[in-house]
Amino acid sequence: MSVPETDLWAGFDNEAAEDLTGPVWDEPVPLKARPALPAYPVDALPGWLADMVHGVAEETQTPADLAGCLALAVIATAAGGRVKVCVRGHWREPVNVYTAVALDPGNRKSAVFDLMVRPLLAAEKALIELSGPLRAEAETTQRLAKAAADKAAAKASNAAPEERDQLTAEAVSLAQTAEEISVPAVPQLVADDVTPENVGTLLDQQGGRIACLSAEGELFDIIAGRYTGKPNMGMFLKGHAGDMIRVNRQGREAQHIDAPAVTIGLAVQPEVLDALNRIDGADGRGLLARFLYSRPVSLVGRRNLTPDLLDEQVAATYAKHLGGLTLALADWTDPALLQLSPEADAVLLAFQKVTESRLGPDGPLAPVVKWASKRDGAVARIAGLLHLAAHPEDGWHKPIEAATMAAATELGNYFTAHALDVFSTMSADPAHDAALTVLAQLVSNHPQQFTKRELFRMLRRADFPAISDLDPVLTLLEEHGWIRQLPAPPRTGRGGRPPSPRYETHPRIARAA
């Protein structure tokens, strides 16, 4: 649906309404359009990552926001659960992030995901191959140990009484040894269509980390209760914060994950994002506050049909650095701790002061206070990701510099503007954007009066498939004082279809034209 990006009535707010025919008009209540949102600051990314984002966005003719948000998610997949940022005192932030980009169908989201995620899947395949001999050895050792324990148990059960105690003790010892031998799971970095229960299993198997990367929004449906009939978000709440997970359920093996790290990178349709607030408990329990949101402007209808293709060297460098970072951190058990340089700490502290000053009841971040309360931590996480991307071979041996933290705050401001827009849309009247479209059409045609049927003919069928779709829009415009319904003419008594409702427009509509 086409919605203007600025206030239609700028310059008219202080003018008195004119009286044309009929009763005097009151001042209409402005319908504010979506503000123009900032573009993704690609240059805040390290060179090789920025080059990849620029190249992918150009070849696919998609907003750089999509590849840019996914760039953070893939670095977080490589480093999640293996790295933490030490901010101050005991404040430590893991580097896993949740990102959600809203784009309509037809925006080549799958193509962007393929280009950005493919090297990560190649690294996953390499990990599987590298772990093959270790898994084979563990499986063989476990099988032999179980066979020895079974043989000892059989021998003890058939032994003479004077030998049974000793043989039983030997069998028990062998059984304990066999039980202690574990076979490593096949390495997996990325999951797609996965339930919260399966996330817990994967975290348990994969050393406490897993990423959910998808060009669809099905994960939100699953969290909302697609399979269970009720919301199930606990695993994703703890998986973002790194809170301990202990699962003990009858019929299932116990799952103990001390510091889980879930990464999420999604591209969803805008209406999916708008509906998130309707997931029972999603706002109250803080799930919505954990996401970094992006609502870029689609390029559909103005795309370059002969774009520059992604440079092979850029793609190769991206694959090399991403794969190298993934393999380098794969076997870490205790997380690497990234320190802030004094200058970087000063940059973050200044950013924190700005956040705090805007969180008050009348502050600009008050409408998104839950999200904004996690803003500083998100910037620290982003700084850790940018630092690792800038130093993919040895970043864990170097402190985070001030320039990296400044770039992270630039991304933090970008995500703040988009979060304000997302949460505003969640709480807005569903007919609001449609009303803006109709109001823009009325300004373009500036009728003093119109019927509902005439208005329907002016509008695109893609925006309003049925004439009944205008009902909530006309009600909203009338409530805001932009139109008013005129009395229906007297019926002639001849039958037939009743006349279409007729409306009068506010004098401002004619003046704006």
Protein backbone atom coordinates (compact mmCIF):
# COMPACT_ATOMS: atom_id res chain seq x y z
CA MET A 1 0.00 0.00 0.00
CA SER A 2 1.47 3.35 -1.00
CA VAL A 3 1.90 5.67 1.97
CA PRO A 4 3.51 9.14 1.80
CA GLU A 5 6.72 9.49 3.78
CA THR A 6 6.06 13.02 5.12
CA ASP A 7 3.17 14.84 6.76
CA LEU A 8 0.70 15.72 4.04
CA TRP A 9 -0.33 18.83 5.89
CA ALA A 10 3.00 20.51 6.64
CA GLY A 11 2.47 24.25 6.34
CA PHE A 12 -1.29 24.06 6.95
CA ASP A 13 -1.29 23.29 10.69
CA ASN A 14 -1.80 26.92 11.75
CA GLU A 15 -4.39 27.90 9.16
CA ALA A 16 -8.00 28.30 10.16
CA ALA A 17 -10.50 26.05 8.46
CA GLU A 18 -12.60 27.77 5.84
CA ASP A 19 -16.35 27.58 5.81
CA LEU A 20 -17.63 26.62 2.38
CA THR A 21 -21.11 25.16 2.46
CA GLY A 22 -22.73 23.54 5.44
CA PRO A 23 -21.66 23.71 9.09
CA VAL A 24 -18.31 25.23 10.09
CA TRP A 25 -15.48 22.71 10.02
CA ASP A 26 -13.34 22.11 13.13
CA GLU A 27 -9.59 21.72 12.88
CA PRO A 28 -8.89 18.18 11.61
CA VAL A 29 -6.63 15.88 13.59
CA PRO A 30 -3.51 15.26 11.47
CA LEU A 31 -2.80 11.76 10.23
CA LYS A 32 0.93 11.46 10.52
CA ALA A 33 2.68 9.35 7.92
CA ARG A 34 5.62 7.09 8.68
CA PRO A 35 8.79 9.12 9.10
CA ALA A 36 11.63 8.60 6.69
CA LEU A 37 13.85 6.00 8.34
CA PRO A 38 17.65 6.06 8.18
CA ALA A 39 19.40 3.83 5.67
CA TYR A 40 21.61 1.03 6.92
CA PRO A 41 25.10 2.46 7.66
CA VAL A 42 27.05 -0.07 5.59
CA ASP A 43 30.30 1.83 6.01
CA ALA A 44 30.15 1.13 9.76
CA LEU A 45 31.09 -2.48 8.90
CA PRO A 46 34.73 -3.57 8.42
CA GLY A 47 35.92 -3.38 4.80
CA TRP A 48 35.49 -6.98 3.64
CA LEU A 49 32.04 -7.21 5.24
CA ALA A 50 30.91 -3.84 3.88
CA ASP A 51 32.10 -4.82 0.40
CA MET A 52 30.04 -8.01 0.57
CA VAL A 53 26.91 -6.16 1.75
CA HIS A 54 27.29 -3.55 -1.00
CA GLY A 55 27.89 -6.25 -3.64
CA VAL A 56 24.97 -8.44 -2.58
CA ALA A 57 22.59 -5.47 -2.37
CA GLU A 58 23.63 -4.32 -5.86
CA GLU A 59 23.36 -7.71 -7.58
CA THR A 60 20.03 -8.61 -5.96
CA GLN A 61 18.71 -5.02 -6.14
CA THR A 62 17.58 -5.17 -2.54
CA PRO A 63 17.96 -2.60 0.26
CA ALA A 64 21.39 -2.89 1.88
CA ASP A 65 19.54 -3.23 5.21
CA LEU A 66 18.74 -6.87 4.47
CA ALA A 67 22.30 -8.00 3.75
CA GLY A 68 23.62 -5.67 6.46
CA CYS A 69 21.45 -7.11 9.23
CA LEU A 70 22.23 -10.61 8.02
CA ALA A 71 25.95 -9.77 8.12
CA LEU A 72 25.66 -9.19 11.87
CA ALA A 73 23.70 -12.44 12.26
CA VAL A 74 26.26 -14.59 10.41
CA ILE A 75 29.18 -13.16 12.41
CA ALA A 76 27.14 -13.83 15.55
CA THR A 77 26.59 -17.40 14.34
CA ALA A 78 30.34 -17.86 13.98
CA ALA A 79 31.16 -16.36 17.37
CA GLY A 80 28.00 -16.88 19.45
CA GLY A 81 28.62 -18.83 22.62
CA ARG A 82 32.37 -18.49 22.15
CA VAL A 83 32.95 -14.77 22.85
CA LYS A 84 31.78 -12.20 25.40
CA VAL A 85 32.38 -8.47 25.65
CA CYS A 86 33.59 -7.27 29.05
CA VAL A 87 32.05 -3.85 29.51
CA ARG A 88 32.55 -2.77 33.12
CA GLY A 89 32.81 -4.69 36.35
CA HIS A 90 30.73 -7.85 36.05
CA TRP A 91 28.79 -6.57 33.02
CA ARG A 92 29.49 -8.97 30.19
CA GLU A 93 27.56 -9.21 26.95
CA PRO A 94 27.52 -12.31 24.73
CA VAL A 95 27.79 -11.56 21.02
CA ASN A 96 24.70 -13.40 19.77
CA VAL A 97 21.98 -11.13 18.37
CA TYR A 98 18.37 -11.32 17.15
CA THR A 99 17.63 -9.46 13.91
CA ALA A 100 14.35 -9.16 11.97
CA VAL A 101 14.02 -7.36 8.63
CA ALA A 102 10.54 -6.57 7.25
CA LEU A 103 10.17 -6.71 3.47
CA ASP A 104 7.24 -7.58 1.21
CA PRO A 105 7.29 -10.71 -1.00
CA GLY A 106 9.12 -10.30 -4.29
CA ASN A 107 12.16 -8.63 -2.74
CA ARG A 108 14.56 -11.54 -3.42
CA LYS A 109 15.10 -12.27 0.24
CA SER A 110 16.04 -15.89 -0.49
CA ALA A 111 18.77 -14.80 -2.92
CA VAL A 112 20.31 -12.53 -0.29
CA PHE A 113 20.18 -15.29 2.32
CA ASP A 114 21.84 -17.73 -0.04
CA LEU A 115 24.75 -15.40 -0.78
CA MET A 116 25.28 -14.35 2.84
CA VAL A 117 24.75 -17.73 4.54
CA ARG A 118 26.32 -20.12 2.02
CA PRO A 119 29.91 -19.67 3.35
CA LEU A 120 28.62 -20.37 6.84
CA LEU A 121 27.13 -23.66 5.65
CA ALA A 122 30.45 -24.46 3.95
CA ALA A 123 32.19 -23.92 7.30
CA GLU A 124 29.61 -26.19 8.93
CA LYS A 125 30.41 -28.89 6.35
CA ALA A 126 34.13 -28.49 7.07
CA LEU A 127 33.47 -28.93 10.80
CA ILE A 128 31.53 -32.12 10.07
CA GLU A 129 34.40 -33.50 8.02
CA LEU A 130 37.03 -32.52 10.60
CA SER A 131 35.05 -34.11 13.44
CA GLY A 132 34.44 -37.34 11.50
CA PRO A 133 37.49 -39.28 12.77
CA LEU A 134 36.85 -38.14 16.36
CA ARG A 135 33.22 -39.24 16.21
CA ALA A 136 34.19 -42.59 14.64
CA GLU A 137 36.76 -43.20 17.36
CA ALA A 138 34.29 -42.31 20.12
CA GLU A 139 31.58 -44.54 18.63
CA THR A 140 33.99 -47.48 18.35
CA THR A 141 35.36 -46.98 21.87
CA GLN A 142 31.84 -46.70 23.28
CA ARG A 143 30.70 -49.85 21.46
CA LEU A 144 33.71 -51.86 22.68
CA ALA A 145 33.29 -50.58 26.23
CA LYS A 146 29.61 -51.57 26.27
CA ALA A 147 30.46 -55.00 24.88
CA ALA A 148 33.12 -55.49 27.57
CA ALA A 149 30.67 -54.37 30.26
CA ASP A 150 27.98 -56.75 28.97
CA LYS A 151 30.46 -59.61 28.86
CA ALA A 152 31.62 -58.90 32.41
CA ALA A 153 28.02 -58.71 33.63
CA ALA A 154 27.23 -62.09 32.05
CA LYS A 155 30.35 -63.60 33.57
CA ALA A 156 29.45 -62.26 37.01
CA SER A 157 25.90 -63.58 36.82
CA ASN A 158 27.21 -67.12 36.10
CA ALA A 159 30.09 -67.05 38.58
CA ALA A 160 30.40 -69.14 41.71
CA PRO A 161 29.30 -67.38 44.89
CA GLU A 162 32.84 -66.87 46.13
CA GLU A 163 33.81 -65.03 42.89
CA ARG A 164 30.55 -63.16 42.24
CA ASP A 165 31.25 -60.05 44.36
CA GLN A 166 34.59 -59.36 42.71
CA LEU A 167 33.29 -60.00 39.18
CA THR A 168 30.21 -57.86 39.85
CA ALA A 169 32.41 -54.96 40.96
CA GLU A 170 34.45 -55.31 37.77
CA ALA A 171 31.27 -55.35 35.65
CA VAL A 172 29.94 -52.23 37.39
CA SER A 173 33.25 -50.43 36.82
CA LEU A 174 33.22 -51.34 33.12
CA ALA A 175 29.59 -50.21 32.79
CA GLN A 176 30.43 -46.85 34.37
CA THR A 177 33.35 -46.42 32.01
CA ALA A 178 31.13 -47.17 29.02
CA GLU A 179 28.51 -44.72 30.27
CA GLU A 180 31.08 -41.93 30.57
CA ILE A 181 32.11 -42.22 26.93
CA SER A 182 30.12 -39.74 24.87
CA VAL A 183 29.94 -39.49 21.11
CA PRO A 184 30.10 -35.89 19.85
CA ALA A 185 27.06 -34.75 17.88
CA VAL A 186 27.39 -33.94 14.21
CA PRO A 187 28.30 -30.21 14.16
CA GLN A 188 25.45 -27.88 13.22
CA LEU A 189 25.60 -24.11 13.12
CA VAL A 190 22.29 -23.20 11.49
CA ALA A 191 18.70 -24.39 11.95
CA ASP A 192 15.58 -23.20 10.14
CA ASP A 193 12.15 -24.69 10.92
CA VAL A 194 12.79 -25.62 14.54
CA THR A 195 10.59 -25.86 17.64
CA PRO A 196 11.62 -24.41 21.01
CA GLU A 197 12.12 -27.98 22.30
CA ASN A 198 14.42 -28.76 19.39
CA VAL A 199 16.34 -25.55 20.08
CA GLY A 200 17.02 -26.87 23.58
CA THR A 201 18.21 -30.19 22.18
CA LEU A 202 20.47 -28.49 19.64
CA LEU A 203 21.93 -26.20 22.29
CA ASP A 204 22.69 -29.26 24.42
CA GLN A 205 24.32 -31.07 21.50
CA GLN A 206 26.20 -28.12 19.99
CA GLY A 207 28.06 -26.82 22.99
CA GLY A 208 25.45 -24.24 23.92
CA ARG A 209 24.99 -22.41 20.62
CA ILE A 210 22.73 -22.51 17.57
CA ALA A 211 21.48 -20.02 14.98
CA CYS A 212 18.03 -19.76 13.40
CA LEU A 213 18.46 -18.07 10.01
CA SER A 214 15.51 -17.94 7.63
CA ALA A 215 14.10 -15.89 4.77
CA GLU A 216 10.63 -16.54 6.20
CA GLY A 217 8.89 -15.62 9.45
CA GLU A 218 7.78 -19.12 10.43
CA LEU A 219 9.81 -18.99 13.64
CA PHE A 220 7.41 -16.38 15.02
CA ASP A 221 4.47 -18.68 14.23
CA ILE A 222 6.23 -21.50 16.07
CA ILE A 223 6.94 -19.30 19.10
CA ALA A 224 3.28 -18.20 19.04
CA GLY A 225 2.23 -21.86 19.39
CA ARG A 226 1.76 -23.36 15.92
CA TYR A 227 2.44 -26.89 17.21
CA THR A 228 1.44 -26.58 20.86
CA GLY A 229 -1.50 -24.16 20.78
CA LYS A 230 0.16 -21.81 23.27
CA PRO A 231 3.18 -19.49 23.18
CA ASN A 232 6.52 -21.05 24.05
CA MET A 233 9.29 -18.47 24.19
CA GLY A 234 11.31 -19.37 27.29
CA MET A 235 14.11 -20.99 25.29
CA PHE A 236 14.49 -17.86 23.15
CA LEU A 237 14.42 -15.53 26.16
CA LYS A 238 17.19 -17.44 27.90
CA GLY A 239 19.03 -18.08 24.66
CA HIS A 240 19.44 -14.33 24.10
CA ALA A 241 20.44 -13.42 27.64
CA GLY A 242 22.66 -16.45 28.22
CA ASP A 243 20.66 -17.53 31.27
CA MET A 244 21.16 -21.10 32.47
CA ILE A 245 18.80 -23.71 31.01
CA ARG A 246 17.89 -26.84 32.98
CA VAL A 247 15.33 -29.15 31.38
CA ASN A 248 14.21 -32.29 33.22
CA ARG A 249 11.15 -33.88 31.68
CA GLN A 250 9.80 -37.39 31.95
CA GLY A 251 10.71 -39.52 28.95
CA ARG A 252 13.50 -37.19 27.80
CA GLU A 253 17.17 -36.93 28.64
CA ALA A 254 18.04 -34.06 30.95
CA GLN A 255 19.41 -30.97 29.21
CA HIS A 256 21.82 -28.70 31.09
CA ILE A 257 23.17 -25.63 29.27
CA ASP A 258 25.03 -23.18 31.46
CA ALA A 259 25.36 -20.28 28.98
CA PRO A 260 23.10 -20.79 25.94
CA ALA A 261 23.65 -18.54 22.91
CA VAL A 262 20.90 -18.43 20.28
CA THR A 263 21.31 -16.23 17.22
CA ILE A 264 18.30 -15.28 15.07
CA GLY A 265 18.36 -13.69 11.62
CA LEU A 266 14.98 -13.43 9.90
CA ALA A 267 13.41 -11.69 6.93
CA VAL A 268 9.66 -11.44 7.37
CA GLN A 269 6.70 -9.81 5.70
CA PRO A 270 5.77 -6.47 7.33
CA GLU A 271 2.41 -7.77 8.53
CA VAL A 272 4.22 -10.53 10.46
CA LEU A 273 6.20 -7.88 12.32
CA ASP A 274 3.04 -5.85 12.93
CA ALA A 275 1.34 -8.92 14.43
CA LEU A 276 4.12 -9.75 16.89
CA ASN A 277 2.50 -7.71 19.60
CA ARG A 278 -0.48 -10.07 19.48
CA ILE A 279 1.61 -13.05 20.63
CA ASP A 280 0.46 -13.62 24.19
CA GLY A 281 3.24 -12.54 26.55
CA ALA A 282 5.70 -11.49 23.81
CA ASP A 283 5.82 -7.90 25.02
CA GLY A 284 5.37 -8.49 28.74
CA ARG A 285 8.11 -11.13 28.94
CA GLY A 286 10.51 -9.12 26.81
CA LEU A 287 10.76 -11.17 23.61
CA LEU A 288 9.99 -8.14 21.41
CA ALA A 289 12.63 -6.09 23.22
CA ARG A 290 15.38 -8.52 22.24
CA PHE A 291 15.16 -7.99 18.47
CA LEU A 292 17.04 -5.51 16.32
CA TYR A 293 14.40 -4.41 13.81
CA SER A 294 14.72 -3.06 10.29
CA ARG A 295 11.97 -1.75 8.00
CA PRO A 296 13.72 -0.71 4.79
CA VAL A 297 11.98 0.80 1.78
CA SER A 298 11.48 -1.77 -0.98
CA LEU A 299 13.18 -1.18 -4.32
CA VAL A 300 10.52 -3.09 -6.27
CA GLY A 301 9.37 -0.96 -9.20
CA ARG A 302 12.61 0.99 -9.49
CA ARG A 303 15.23 -1.75 -9.62
CA ASN A 304 18.13 -1.73 -12.05
CA LEU A 305 17.52 -4.69 -14.35
CA THR A 306 21.18 -4.91 -15.39
CA PRO A 307 23.01 -4.48 -12.06
CA ASP A 308 26.69 -5.04 -11.40
CA LEU A 309 27.29 -8.64 -10.37
CA LEU A 310 28.93 -9.53 -7.09
CA ASP A 311 32.70 -9.40 -7.52
CA GLU A 312 34.19 -12.89 -7.20
CA GLN A 313 37.13 -11.63 -5.16
CA VAL A 314 34.79 -9.89 -2.72
CA ALA A 315 32.78 -13.11 -2.31
CA ALA A 316 35.96 -15.18 -1.89
CA THR A 317 37.35 -12.83 0.76
CA TYR A 318 34.01 -12.91 2.60
CA ALA A 319 33.96 -16.72 2.56
CA LYS A 320 37.58 -16.90 3.71
CA HIS A 321 37.18 -14.55 6.68
CA LEU A 322 33.78 -15.89 7.77
CA GLY A 323 34.88 -19.51 7.47
CA GLY A 324 38.18 -18.83 9.22
CA LEU A 325 36.47 -17.10 12.14
CA THR A 326 33.96 -19.95 12.46
CA LEU A 327 36.62 -22.68 12.45
CA ALA A 328 38.94 -20.76 14.79
CA LEU A 329 36.27 -20.42 17.49
CA ALA A 330 34.48 -23.75 16.98
CA ASP A 331 36.37 -25.72 19.68
CA TRP A 332 36.39 -23.02 22.36
CA THR A 333 34.69 -24.09 25.57
CA ASP A 334 35.43 -21.16 27.87
CA PRO A 335 34.45 -17.97 26.03
CA ALA A 336 37.03 -15.50 24.81
CA LEU A 337 36.68 -12.23 26.73
CA LEU A 338 36.96 -9.04 24.69
CA GLN A 339 38.13 -6.00 26.65
CA LEU A 340 37.31 -2.37 25.85
CA SER A 341 40.08 0.13 25.43
CA PRO A 342 39.66 3.18 27.73
CA GLU A 343 38.66 5.24 24.70
CA ALA A 344 36.06 2.67 23.61
CA ASP A 345 34.66 2.61 27.13
CA ALA A 346 34.33 6.41 27.02
CA VAL A 347 32.41 6.21 23.72
CA LEU A 348 30.02 3.61 25.14
CA LEU A 349 29.55 5.58 28.35
CA ALA A 350 28.59 8.68 26.36
CA PHE A 351 26.08 6.58 24.42
CA GLN A 352 24.66 5.22 27.70
CA LYS A 353 24.16 8.75 29.01
CA VAL A 354 22.14 9.65 25.92
CA THR A 355 20.03 6.51 26.33
CA GLU A 356 19.38 7.23 30.00
CA SER A 357 18.38 10.84 29.31
CA ARG A 358 15.76 9.68 26.80
CA LEU A 359 14.12 6.96 28.91
CA GLY A 360 12.04 9.24 31.14
CA PRO A 361 8.23 9.37 30.89
CA ASP A 362 8.39 12.28 28.43
CA GLY A 363 11.56 11.17 26.66
CA PRO A 364 11.68 10.10 23.00
CA LEU A 365 12.46 6.50 24.00
CA ALA A 366 9.57 6.24 26.46
CA PRO A 367 7.31 4.47 23.91
CA VAL A 368 9.92 1.70 23.55
CA VAL A 369 11.31 1.70 27.08
CA LYS A 370 11.66 -2.09 27.27
CA TRP A 371 13.54 -2.22 23.99
CA ALA A 372 15.60 0.87 24.81
CA SER A 373 16.63 -0.61 28.15
CA LYS A 374 18.55 -3.23 26.15
CA ARG A 375 19.95 -0.71 23.66
CA ASP A 376 23.31 -0.21 25.36
CA GLY A 377 23.86 -3.94 25.70
CA ALA A 378 22.98 -4.41 22.03
CA VAL A 379 25.60 -1.81 21.06
CA ALA A 380 28.21 -3.63 23.14
CA ARG A 381 27.32 -6.87 21.34
CA ILE A 382 27.52 -5.18 17.94
CA ALA A 383 30.90 -3.71 18.88
CA GLY A 384 32.13 -7.22 19.67
CA LEU A 385 30.93 -8.48 16.29
CA LEU A 386 32.50 -5.58 14.40
CA HIS A 387 35.76 -6.14 16.29
CA LEU A 388 35.85 -9.84 15.40
CA ALA A 389 35.07 -9.02 11.78
CA ALA A 390 37.89 -6.46 11.73
CA HIS A 391 40.30 -9.01 13.25
CA PRO A 392 38.97 -12.45 12.22
CA GLU A 393 42.27 -14.21 12.89
CA ASP A 394 43.17 -12.92 16.36
CA GLY A 395 40.51 -10.48 17.57
CA TRP A 396 40.29 -12.20 20.95
CA HIS A 397 43.84 -11.05 21.72
CA LYS A 398 43.10 -7.35 21.09
CA PRO A 399 40.92 -4.76 22.86
CA ILE A 400 37.95 -3.16 21.16
CA GLU A 401 38.98 0.28 19.92
CA ALA A 402 37.06 3.56 20.07
CA ALA A 403 36.46 3.66 16.31
CA THR A 404 34.81 0.23 16.47
CA MET A 405 32.60 1.31 19.36
CA ALA A 406 31.65 4.50 17.49
CA ALA A 407 30.63 2.40 14.48
CA ALA A 408 28.55 0.21 16.82
CA THR A 409 26.75 3.27 18.20
CA GLU A 410 25.97 4.35 14.63
CA LEU A 411 24.30 0.99 14.06
CA GLY A 412 22.62 1.36 17.46
CA ASN A 413 21.04 4.64 16.37
CA TYR A 414 19.90 3.02 13.13
CA PHE A 415 18.18 0.18 14.98
CA THR A 416 16.66 2.63 17.46
CA ALA A 417 14.92 4.62 14.72
CA HIS A 418 13.57 1.43 13.15
CA ALA A 419 12.44 0.03 16.51
CA LEU A 420 10.48 3.22 17.21
CA ASP A 421 8.74 2.80 13.85
CA VAL A 422 8.02 -0.90 14.39
CA PHE A 423 6.53 -0.44 17.85
CA SER A 424 4.54 2.58 16.68
CA THR A 425 3.05 0.47 13.89
CA MET A 426 2.26 -2.36 16.30
CA SER A 427 0.16 -0.04 18.45
CA ALA A 428 -1.42 1.92 15.58
CA ASP A 429 -4.95 1.55 14.24
CA PRO A 430 -4.76 -1.05 11.42
CA ALA A 431 -6.68 1.36 9.17
CA HIS A 432 -4.17 4.18 9.69
CA ASP A 433 -1.91 3.51 6.68
CA ALA A 434 -4.92 2.83 4.48
CA ALA A 435 -6.41 6.15 5.60
CA LEU A 436 -3.21 7.92 4.58
CA THR A 437 -3.48 6.36 1.13
CA VAL A 438 -7.08 7.50 0.75
CA LEU A 439 -6.28 10.96 2.06
CA ALA A 440 -3.45 11.32 -0.46
CA GLN A 441 -5.87 10.30 -3.22
CA LEU A 442 -8.42 12.88 -2.09
CA VAL A 443 -5.73 15.59 -2.07
CA SER A 444 -4.73 14.56 -5.59
CA ASN A 445 -8.31 14.77 -6.90
CA HIS A 446 -9.56 17.45 -4.39
CA PRO A 447 -13.30 16.76 -4.69
CA GLN A 448 -15.57 18.84 -2.49
CA GLN A 449 -17.88 15.83 -2.32
CA PHE A 450 -17.62 12.18 -3.32
CA THR A 451 -19.53 8.95 -2.94
CA LYS A 452 -18.09 5.80 -1.51
CA ARG A 453 -18.41 4.13 -4.91
CA GLU A 454 -16.61 7.03 -6.66
CA LEU A 455 -13.76 6.82 -4.14
CA PHE A 456 -13.45 3.07 -4.69
CA ARG A 457 -13.01 3.66 -8.43
CA MET A 458 -10.15 6.14 -7.72
CA LEU A 459 -8.11 3.61 -5.73
CA ARG A 460 -5.89 0.71 -6.73
CA ARG A 461 -7.51 -2.72 -6.41
CA ALA A 462 -4.26 -4.02 -4.93
CA ASP A 463 -4.79 -1.68 -1.97
CA PHE A 464 -8.57 -2.08 -1.66
CA PRO A 465 -9.79 -5.33 -3.27
CA ALA A 466 -13.38 -4.84 -2.07
CA ILE A 467 -15.46 -1.73 -1.51
CA SER A 468 -16.14 -2.89 2.05
CA ASP A 469 -12.40 -2.39 2.76
CA LEU A 470 -13.15 1.34 2.76
CA ASP A 471 -15.49 1.16 5.75
CA PRO A 472 -12.89 1.39 8.57
CA VAL A 473 -10.91 3.96 6.57
CA LEU A 474 -13.90 6.26 6.07
CA THR A 475 -14.76 5.91 9.75
CA LEU A 476 -11.22 6.88 10.76
CA LEU A 477 -11.12 9.88 8.39
CA GLU A 478 -14.47 11.03 9.70
CA GLU A 479 -13.32 10.66 13.31
CA HIS A 480 -10.27 12.80 12.49
CA GLY A 481 -12.43 15.47 10.87
CA TRP A 482 -11.20 15.16 7.27
CA ILE A 483 -14.56 14.12 5.84
CA ARG A 484 -18.17 14.01 7.01
CA GLN A 485 -21.04 11.96 5.73
CA LEU A 486 -23.97 13.84 4.22
CA PRO A 487 -27.58 12.89 4.88
CA ALA A 488 -28.90 10.32 2.46
CA PRO A 489 -31.40 11.69 -0.10
CA PRO A 490 -35.01 10.67 0.41
CA ARG A 491 -35.96 7.38 -1.22
CA THR A 492 -38.41 7.50 -4.15
CA GLY A 493 -40.13 4.27 -3.26
CA ARG A 494 -39.27 2.72 -6.61
CA GLY A 495 -36.95 0.10 -5.08
CA GLY A 496 -33.55 -0.70 -6.48
CA ARG A 497 -30.11 -0.39 -4.95
CA PRO A 498 -29.77 2.29 -2.24
CA PRO A 499 -27.56 5.24 -3.20
CA SER A 500 -23.89 5.08 -2.28
CA PRO A 501 -23.06 7.08 0.89
CA ARG A 502 -21.93 10.61 0.03
CA TYR A 503 -19.20 12.51 1.88
CA GLU A 504 -18.06 16.10 2.04
CA THR A 505 -14.34 16.86 2.30
CA HIS A 506 -12.62 19.31 4.62
CA PRO A 507 -11.66 22.63 2.96
CA ARG A 508 -8.00 21.86 3.60
CA ILE A 509 -8.13 19.08 1.03
CA ALA A 510 -9.03 21.52 -1.75
CA ARG A 511 -6.42 24.05 -0.53
CA ALA A 512 -3.67 21.44 -0.30
CA ALA A 513 -4.22 20.57 -3.94
